[in-house]
C-alpha atoms as a PDB file:
ATOM      1  CA  MET A   1      -0.010   0.290  -0.012  1.00  0.00           C
ATOM      2  CA  CYS A   2       1.561   3.387  -1.162  1.00  0.00           C
ATOM      3  CA  THR A   3       2.396   5.984   1.882  1.00  0.00           C
ATOM      4  CA  SER A   4      -0.236   9.422   1.102  1.00  0.00           C
ATOM      5  CA  VAL A   5       1.330  12.905   1.193  1.00  0.00           C
ATOM      6  CA  ASP A   6      -1.062  15.823   1.160  1.00  0.00           C
ATOM      7  CA  ILE A   7       0.862  18.446  -0.740  1.00  0.00           C
ATOM      8  CA  VAL A   8      -0.014  21.852  -0.651  1.00  0.00           C
ATOM      9  CA  ILE A   9       1.278  24.431  -3.207  1.00  0.00           C
ATOM     10  CA  ILE A  10       0.466  28.105  -3.116  1.00  0.00           C
ATOM     11  CA  SER A  11       0.056  29.471  -6.043  1.00  0.00           C
ATOM     12  CA  ASP A  12      -1.143  33.366  -7.914  1.00  0.00           C
ATOM     13  CA  ALA A  13      -0.148  32.433 -11.932  1.00  0.00           C
ATOM     14  CA  TYR A  14      -1.733  35.482 -13.547  1.00  0.00           C
ATOM     15  CA  ASN A  15       0.069  35.495 -16.307  1.00  0.00           C
ATOM     16  CA  ASP A  16       1.469  32.829 -18.695  1.00  0.00           C
ATOM     17  CA  GLU A  17       5.278  32.056 -16.988  1.00  0.00           C
ATOM     18  CA  LEU A  18       3.600  31.830 -13.518  1.00  0.00           C
ATOM     19  CA  ARG A  19       1.325  29.084 -14.713  1.00  0.00           C
ATOM     20  CA  ILE A  20       3.871  27.642 -16.966  1.00  0.00           C
ATOM     21  CA  MET A  21       6.066  27.254 -13.511  1.00  0.00           C
ATOM     22  CA  THR A  22       3.377  25.652 -11.450  1.00  0.00           C
ATOM     23  CA  GLU A  23       2.758  23.251 -14.005  1.00  0.00           C
ATOM     24  CA  ASN A  24       6.424  22.304 -14.287  1.00  0.00           C
ATOM     25  CA  ALA A  25       6.491  22.278 -10.234  1.00  0.00           C
ATOM     26  CA  ILE A  26       2.983  19.893 -10.517  1.00  0.00           C
ATOM     27  CA  ILE A  27       4.309  17.808 -13.189  1.00  0.00           C
ATOM     28  CA  SER A  28       7.939  17.356 -11.417  1.00  0.00           C
ATOM     29  CA  LEU A  29       5.897  15.889  -8.394  1.00  0.00           C
ATOM     30  CA  TYR A  30       4.190  13.265 -10.045  1.00  0.00           C
ATOM     31  CA  LYS A  31       7.317  12.020 -11.644  1.00  0.00           C
ATOM     32  CA  SER A  32       9.638  12.298  -8.615  1.00  0.00           C
ATOM     33  CA  GLU A  33       8.265   8.765  -6.552  1.00  0.00           C
ATOM     34  CA  ASN A  34       6.641   5.943  -7.799  1.00  0.00           C
ATOM     35  CA  TYR A  35       5.313   4.522  -4.127  1.00  0.00           C
ATOM     36  CA  ILE A  36       4.290   7.617  -3.170  1.00  0.00           C
ATOM     37  CA  ASN A  37       0.876   8.711  -3.216  1.00  0.00           C
ATOM     38  CA  PHE A  38       0.698  12.423  -3.661  1.00  0.00           C
ATOM     39  CA  ILE A  39      -2.626  14.322  -2.942  1.00  0.00           C
ATOM     40  CA  THR A  40      -2.413  17.999  -4.136  1.00  0.00           C
ATOM     41  CA  TYR A  41      -4.078  20.573  -3.258  1.00  0.00           C
ATOM     42  CA  ILE A  42      -3.406  23.703  -5.184  1.00  0.00           C
ATOM     43  CA  VAL A  43      -4.535  27.408  -3.329  1.00  0.00           C
ATOM     44  CA  GLU A  44      -4.555  29.425  -6.460  1.00  0.00           C
ATOM     45  CA  SER A  45      -5.298  32.679  -6.513  1.00  0.00           C
ATOM     46  CA  SER A  46      -5.791  33.277  -9.890  1.00  0.00           C
ATOM     47  CA  ASN A  47      -8.685  31.364 -12.113  1.00  0.00           C
ATOM     48  CA  ILE A  48      -6.313  28.418 -13.458  1.00  0.00           C
ATOM     49  CA  ASP A  49      -7.510  24.928 -12.616  1.00  0.00           C
ATOM     50  CA  TYR A  50      -4.529  22.504 -12.852  1.00  0.00           C
ATOM     51  CA  SER A  51      -6.609  19.403 -12.041  1.00  0.00           C
ATOM     52  CA  TYR A  52      -5.939  18.041 -15.332  1.00  0.00           C
ATOM     53  CA  ILE A  53      -2.810  16.961 -14.879  1.00  0.00           C
ATOM     54  CA  ASN A  54      -3.426  14.489 -12.136  1.00  0.00           C
ATOM     55  CA  ASP A  55      -6.592  13.237 -10.602  1.00  0.00           C
ATOM     56  CA  ASN A  56      -5.045  13.830  -7.598  1.00  0.00           C
ATOM     57  CA  VAL A  57      -4.730  17.507  -8.003  1.00  0.00           C
ATOM     58  CA  HIS A  58      -7.356  19.806  -6.556  1.00  0.00           C
ATOM     59  CA  MET A  59      -7.971  23.624  -6.414  1.00  0.00           C
ATOM     60  CA  VAL A  60      -8.359  25.615  -3.752  1.00  0.00           C
ATOM     61  CA  LYS A  61      -9.685  29.100  -3.980  1.00  0.00           C
ATOM     62  CA  PRO A  62      -8.911  31.669  -1.475  1.00  0.00           C
ATOM     63  CA  ASN A  63     -10.537  34.545  -0.521  1.00  0.00           C
ATOM     64  CA  PRO A  64      -7.875  37.744  -0.700  1.00  0.00           C
ATOM     65  CA  PRO A  65      -5.919  39.504   1.193  1.00  0.00           C
ATOM     66  CA  PHE A  66      -3.109  37.064   0.453  1.00  0.00           C
ATOM     67  CA  GLY A  67      -1.226  35.648   3.232  1.00  0.00           C
ATOM     68  CA  TYR A  68       1.369  32.718   3.096  1.00  0.00           C
ATOM     69  CA  HIS A  69       0.122  30.972   6.427  1.00  0.00           C
ATOM     70  CA  LYS A  70      -3.297  31.881   5.757  1.00  0.00           C
ATOM     71  CA  TYR A  71      -3.376  30.394   2.362  1.00  0.00           C
ATOM     72  CA  LEU A  72      -1.066  27.295   3.943  1.00  0.00           C
ATOM     73  CA  ASN A  73      -3.297  26.805   6.389  1.00  0.00           C
ATOM     74  CA  LEU A  74      -6.484  26.656   3.950  1.00  0.00           C
ATOM     75  CA  GLY A  75      -4.831  24.117   1.747  1.00  0.00           C
ATOM     76  CA  ARG A  76      -3.485  21.862   4.573  1.00  0.00           C
ATOM     77  CA  LYS A  77      -7.240  21.862   6.511  1.00  0.00           C
ATOM     78  CA  GLU A  78      -7.999  20.435   2.430  1.00  0.00           C
ATOM     79  CA  GLY A  79      -6.412  16.809   3.939  1.00  0.00           C
ATOM     80  CA  ASN A  80      -6.051  14.033   5.862  1.00  0.00           C
ATOM     81  CA  SER A  81      -2.961  12.414   5.205  1.00  0.00           C
ATOM     82  CA  GLU A  82      -0.144  11.427   7.959  1.00  0.00           C
ATOM     83  CA  TYR A  83       2.660  13.359   6.095  1.00  0.00           C
ATOM     84  CA  VAL A  84       2.021  17.032   4.458  1.00  0.00           C
ATOM     85  CA  CYS A  85       4.290  19.422   2.676  1.00  0.00           C
ATOM     86  CA  LEU A  86       4.082  23.066   2.782  1.00  0.00           C
ATOM     87  CA  CYS A  87       4.869  24.400  -0.685  1.00  0.00           C
ATOM     88  CA  ASN A  88       6.126  27.327  -2.722  1.00  0.00           C
ATOM     89  CA  ASN A  89       5.353  26.665  -6.808  1.00  0.00           C
ATOM     90  CA  ASP A  90       8.042  27.558  -7.744  1.00  0.00           C
ATOM     91  CA  LEU A  91       9.973  24.197  -6.852  1.00  0.00           C
ATOM     92  CA  LEU A  92      11.356  21.287  -9.007  1.00  0.00           C
ATOM     93  CA  PHE A  93      11.090  17.955  -7.451  1.00  0.00           C
ATOM     94  CA  LYS A  94      13.648  15.647  -7.632  1.00  0.00           C
ATOM     95  CA  ASN A  95      13.468  11.853  -7.650  1.00  0.00           C
ATOM     96  CA  GLY A  96      13.151  10.076  -3.982  1.00  0.00           C
ATOM     97  CA  TRP A  97      12.937  13.434  -2.482  1.00  0.00           C
ATOM     98  CA  ALA A  98       9.990  12.482   0.105  1.00  0.00           C
ATOM     99  CA  SER A  99      10.393   8.854   0.201  1.00  0.00           C
ATOM    100  CA  SER A 100      14.146  10.388   1.797  1.00  0.00           C
ATOM    101  CA  LEU A 101      12.258  12.547   4.227  1.00  0.00           C
ATOM    102  CA  ILE A 102       9.566   9.749   5.122  1.00  0.00           C
ATOM    103  CA  SER A 103      12.887   7.084   5.823  1.00  0.00           C
ATOM    104  CA  GLU A 104      14.612   9.791   7.944  1.00  0.00           C
ATOM    105  CA  MET A 105      11.487  10.421  10.282  1.00  0.00           C
ATOM    106  CA  ASP A 106      11.021   6.506  10.184  1.00  0.00           C
ATOM    107  CA  LYS A 107      14.269   6.326  12.092  1.00  0.00           C
ATOM    108  CA  ASP A 108      13.655   9.077  14.367  1.00  0.00           C
ATOM    109  CA  GLU A 109       9.756   9.232  15.701  1.00  0.00           C
ATOM    110  CA  LYS A 110      10.507  12.054  17.274  1.00  0.00           C
ATOM    111  CA  LEU A 111      11.494  14.400  13.866  1.00  0.00           C
ATOM    112  CA  LEU A 112       7.937  15.534  13.175  1.00  0.00           C
ATOM    113  CA  SER A 113       9.165  18.366  10.558  1.00  0.00           C
ATOM    114  CA  ALA A 114      12.292  18.198   7.855  1.00  0.00           C
ATOM    115  CA  SER A 115      12.924  20.330   4.786  1.00  0.00           C
ATOM    116  CA  PRO A 116      15.083  18.957   1.357  1.00  0.00           C
ATOM    117  CA  ILE A 117      17.823  20.738  -0.039  1.00  0.00           C
ATOM    118  CA  SER A 118      18.200  22.768  -2.975  1.00  0.00           C
ATOM    119  CA  TYR A 119      21.062  23.369  -5.393  1.00  0.00           C
ATOM    120  CA  GLU A 120      20.428  27.196  -5.008  1.00  0.00           C
ATOM    121  CA  PRO A 121      21.862  27.851  -2.159  1.00  0.00           C
ATOM    122  CA  HIS A 122      22.613  24.855  -0.299  1.00  0.00           C
ATOM    123  CA  ILE A 123      24.915  23.154  -2.869  1.00  0.00           C
ATOM    124  CA  SER A 124      25.784  26.633  -5.186  1.00  0.00           C
ATOM    125  CA  GLU A 125      26.709  28.583  -2.614  1.00  0.00           C
ATOM    126  CA  ASN A 126      28.772  25.658  -0.161  1.00  0.00           C
ATOM    127  CA  LEU A 127      26.417  26.122   2.574  1.00  0.00           C
ATOM    128  CA  LEU A 128      26.593  22.413   3.439  1.00  0.00           C
ATOM    129  CA  ARG A 129      28.526  18.701   2.057  1.00  0.00           C
ATOM    130  CA  LEU A 130      26.320  16.504   0.932  1.00  0.00           C
ATOM    131  CA  ASP A 131      28.206  13.822   3.271  1.00  0.00           C
ATOM    132  CA  MET A 132      27.660  15.652   6.520  1.00  0.00           C
ATOM    133  CA  GLY A 133      24.403  14.208   7.078  1.00  0.00           C
ATOM    134  CA  ASN A 134      21.110  15.766   8.736  1.00  0.00           C
ATOM    135  CA  THR A 135      21.342  19.429   9.734  1.00  0.00           C
ATOM    136  CA  TYR A 136      19.357  20.518  12.740  1.00  0.00           C
ATOM    137  CA  GLY A 137      18.017  23.508  14.029  1.00  0.00           C
ATOM    138  CA  TYR A 138      15.742  26.440  13.553  1.00  0.00           C
ATOM    139  CA  LYS A 139      17.750  29.098  11.186  1.00  0.00           C
ATOM    140  CA  SER A 140      16.341  29.881   7.865  1.00  0.00           C
ATOM    141  CA  ILE A 141      17.761  28.114   5.011  1.00  0.00           C
ATOM    142  CA  TYR A 142      20.550  26.690   6.819  1.00  0.00           C
ATOM    143  CA  ASN A 143      17.871  23.934   8.475  1.00  0.00           C
ATOM    144  CA  ILE A 144      14.478  25.344   7.548  1.00  0.00           C
ATOM    145  CA  ALA A 145      13.895  25.721   3.878  1.00  0.00           C
ATOM    146  CA  GLY A 146      10.382  27.466   3.696  1.00  0.00           C
ATOM    147  CA  TRP A 147       9.958  26.375   0.221  1.00  0.00           C
ATOM    148  CA  ALA A 148       9.035  22.920   0.912  1.00  0.00           C
ATOM    149  CA  ILE A 149       8.713  21.635   4.737  1.00  0.00           C
ATOM    150  CA  PHE A 150       7.893  18.552   5.078  1.00  0.00           C
ATOM    151  CA  GLN A 151       5.832  17.281   8.574  1.00  0.00           C
ATOM    152  CA  LYS A 152       3.866  14.774  10.058  1.00  0.00           C
ATOM    153  CA  ARG A 153       0.268  15.993  10.782  1.00  0.00           C
ATOM    154  CA  ILE A 154       0.086  15.302  14.394  1.00  0.00           C
ATOM    155  CA  ILE A 155       2.623  18.208  14.829  1.00  0.00           C
ATOM    156  CA  TYR A 156      -0.536  20.206  14.648  1.00  0.00           C
ATOM    157  CA  ASP A 157      -1.912  19.071  17.722  1.00  0.00           C
ATOM    158  CA  ILE A 158       1.115  20.795  19.320  1.00  0.00           C
ATOM    159  CA  ILE A 159       1.540  24.279  17.369  1.00  0.00           C
ATOM    160  CA  GLY A 160      -1.905  24.371  16.359  1.00  0.00           C
ATOM    161  CA  ASP A 161      -2.405  26.876  12.924  1.00  0.00           C
ATOM    162  CA  LEU A 162       0.453  28.986  11.697  1.00  0.00           C
ATOM    163  CA  ASP A 163      -0.025  32.133  12.501  1.00  0.00           C
ATOM    164  CA  GLU A 164      -1.892  34.200   9.972  1.00  0.00           C
ATOM    165  CA  THR A 165      -0.256  37.550  10.966  1.00  0.00           C
ATOM    166  CA  MET A 166       3.205  36.806   9.034  1.00  0.00           C
ATOM    167  CA  VAL A 167       2.199  37.311   5.352  1.00  0.00           C
ATOM    168  CA  PHE A 168       5.337  36.342   3.698  1.00  0.00           C
ATOM    169  CA  TRP A 169       8.661  36.946   4.559  1.00  0.00           C
ATOM    170  CA  TYR A 170       9.861  35.828   8.101  1.00  0.00           C
ATOM    171  CA  ALA A 171       7.192  33.130   8.293  1.00  0.00           C
ATOM    172  CA  ASP A 172       9.945  30.592   8.038  1.00  0.00           C
ATOM    173  CA  ASP A 173      11.698  32.244  10.701  1.00  0.00           C
ATOM    174  CA  ASP A 174       8.480  32.242  12.708  1.00  0.00           C
ATOM    175  CA  TYR A 175       7.681  28.452  12.408  1.00  0.00           C
ATOM    176  CA  GLY A 176      10.740  28.089  13.641  1.00  0.00           C
ATOM    177  CA  MET A 177      10.872  29.946  17.115  1.00  0.00           C
ATOM    178  CA  VAL A 178       7.013  27.926  17.237  1.00  0.00           C
ATOM    179  CA  LEU A 179       9.163  24.862  17.047  1.00  0.00           C
ATOM    180  CA  LYS A 180      11.692  26.193  19.444  1.00  0.00           C
ATOM    181  CA  LYS A 181       9.079  27.101  21.741  1.00  0.00           C
ATOM    182  CA  TYR A 182       7.427  23.261  22.016  1.00  0.00           C
ATOM    183  CA  ASP A 183      11.260  22.093  21.995  1.00  0.00           C
ATOM    184  CA  LEU A 184      10.065  19.936  18.559  1.00  0.00           C
ATOM    185  CA  ILE A 185      12.785  18.380  16.325  1.00  0.00           C
ATOM    186  CA  HIS A 186      13.493  20.059  12.350  1.00  0.00           C
ATOM    187  CA  ALA A 187      16.157  18.389   9.892  1.00  0.00           C
ATOM    188  CA  LEU A 188      17.451  19.839   6.974  1.00  0.00           C
ATOM    189  CA  VAL A 189      18.033  16.332   4.854  1.00  0.00           C
ATOM    190  CA  PRO A 190      20.700  16.575   2.127  1.00  0.00           C
ATOM    191  CA  THR A 191      19.850  12.923   1.411  1.00  0.00           C
ATOM    192  CA  SER A 192      16.516  14.845  -0.113  1.00  0.00           C
ATOM    193  CA  ARG A 193      16.413  17.652  -2.810  1.00  0.00           C
ATOM    194  CA  VAL A 194      14.417  19.998  -4.579  1.00  0.00           C
ATOM    195  CA  ASP A 195      15.026  23.152  -6.561  1.00  0.00           C
ATOM    196  CA  HIS A 196      13.883  26.250  -5.687  1.00  0.00           C
ATOM    197  CA  LEU A 197      13.429  29.114  -8.323  1.00  0.00           C
ATOM    198  CA  TRP A 198      13.413  32.194  -6.005  1.00  0.00           C
ATOM    199  CA  SER A 199      10.908  34.018  -5.713  1.00  0.00           C
ATOM    200  CA  LYS A 200       9.649  34.065  -9.260  1.00  0.00           C
ATOM    201  CA  THR A 201       5.803  35.122  -8.633  1.00  0.00           C
ATOM    202  CA  LEU A 202       7.043  37.997  -5.584  1.00  0.00           C
ATOM    203  CA  PHE A 203       9.285  39.963  -7.900  1.00  0.00           C
ATOM    204  CA  THR A 204       6.055  40.790 -10.827  1.00  0.00           C
ATOM    205  CA  LYS A 205       4.265  42.556  -8.282  1.00  0.00           C
ATOM    206  CA  ASN A 206       4.921  46.391  -7.516  1.00  0.00           C
ATOM    207  CA  GLU A 207       7.378  48.004  -5.215  1.00  0.00           C
ATOM    208  CA  LYS A 208       4.895  48.903  -2.829  1.00  0.00           C
ATOM    209  CA  GLU A 209       3.290  45.107  -2.743  1.00  0.00           C
ATOM    210  CA  ILE A 210       7.235  43.629  -2.454  1.00  0.00           C
ATOM    211  CA  LYS A 211       7.835  45.809   0.736  1.00  0.00           C
ATOM    212  CA  LYS A 212       4.415  44.930   2.606  1.00  0.00           C
ATOM    213  CA  LEU A 213       5.427  41.215   2.000  1.00  0.00           C
ATOM    214  CA  THR A 214       9.831  41.722   2.808  1.00  0.00           C
ATOM    215  CA  THR A 215      10.676  44.014   5.066  1.00  0.00           C
ATOM    216  CA  GLU A 216       7.662  45.300   6.399  1.00  0.00           C
ATOM    217  CA  GLN A 217       7.362  41.345   7.905  1.00  0.00           C
ATOM    218  CA  LEU A 218      10.398  42.102  10.023  1.00  0.00           C
ATOM    219  CA  ASN A 219       8.731  44.303  12.407  1.00  0.00           C
ATOM    220  CA  ILE A 220       5.486  42.064  13.106  1.00  0.00           C
ATOM    221  CA  TYR A 221       8.273  38.745  13.837  1.00  0.00           C
ATOM    222  CA  ASP A 222      10.523  41.219  15.962  1.00  0.00           C
ATOM    223  CA  THR A 223       7.461  42.567  18.299  1.00  0.00           C
ATOM    224  CA  LYS A 224       5.913  38.780  18.115  1.00  0.00           C
ATOM    225  CA  TRP A 225       9.104  36.962  19.521  1.00  0.00           C
ATOM    226  CA  GLU A 226      12.037  39.380  21.091  1.00  0.00           C
ATOM    227  CA  HIS A 227      10.321  39.594  24.170  1.00  0.00           C
ATOM    228  CA  LYS A 228       9.361  36.348  24.714  1.00  0.00           C
ATOM    229  CA  GLY A 229      12.524  34.364  24.918  1.00  0.00           C
ATOM    230  CA  TYR A 230      12.514  32.282  22.156  1.00  0.00           C
ATOM    231  CA  HIS A 231      14.619  34.989  19.595  1.00  0.00           C
ATOM    232  CA  ASN A 232      17.036  33.410  17.486  1.00  0.00           C
END
């Protein structure tokens, strides 16, 4: 019997380039594993429908305004598989990425959260050695790759919903602080790989929108954590 994994992908394919990027992510996902049943929930802001790609692709229509954690919560609650992966749409999934993560979780029942590596930046910028094994911690990119967070669904029995005041940037930092607060383990797993194409959707927006989604988020993050004893 195949293991089922719920995949949540956030997308806003309002032009052809972004539509093709999301399509490529979905296609690569279903080519990446032979013995895993991916059930994919595309939280899509535009009117594009990707369900033709695979019978297990389901469209979820969010209500604006956009919120990264808001949309992830919406997609996550559509499924009930033992495993769930929270994803950007600017990804290409490599062979065996999910089975590698599940294998590590099988070895350590306390490992409830993990991320795959990406060529950019982990390999290209020499942020890790492929032979070094899993790296544990809460630091964005070095441990938590916010573009793909793979979880055992039971983690939400502990942490509750993702904080929807986190709209985009620092959402992964916030998630790391939540894990730290509850003393939960997260690992970056070098035997698992996706390729992250780096914010293709973000930089199609205007300067005001980009600022709201990026630098303004730092104030929200700092206000939340700096007085609570968990700040890095």
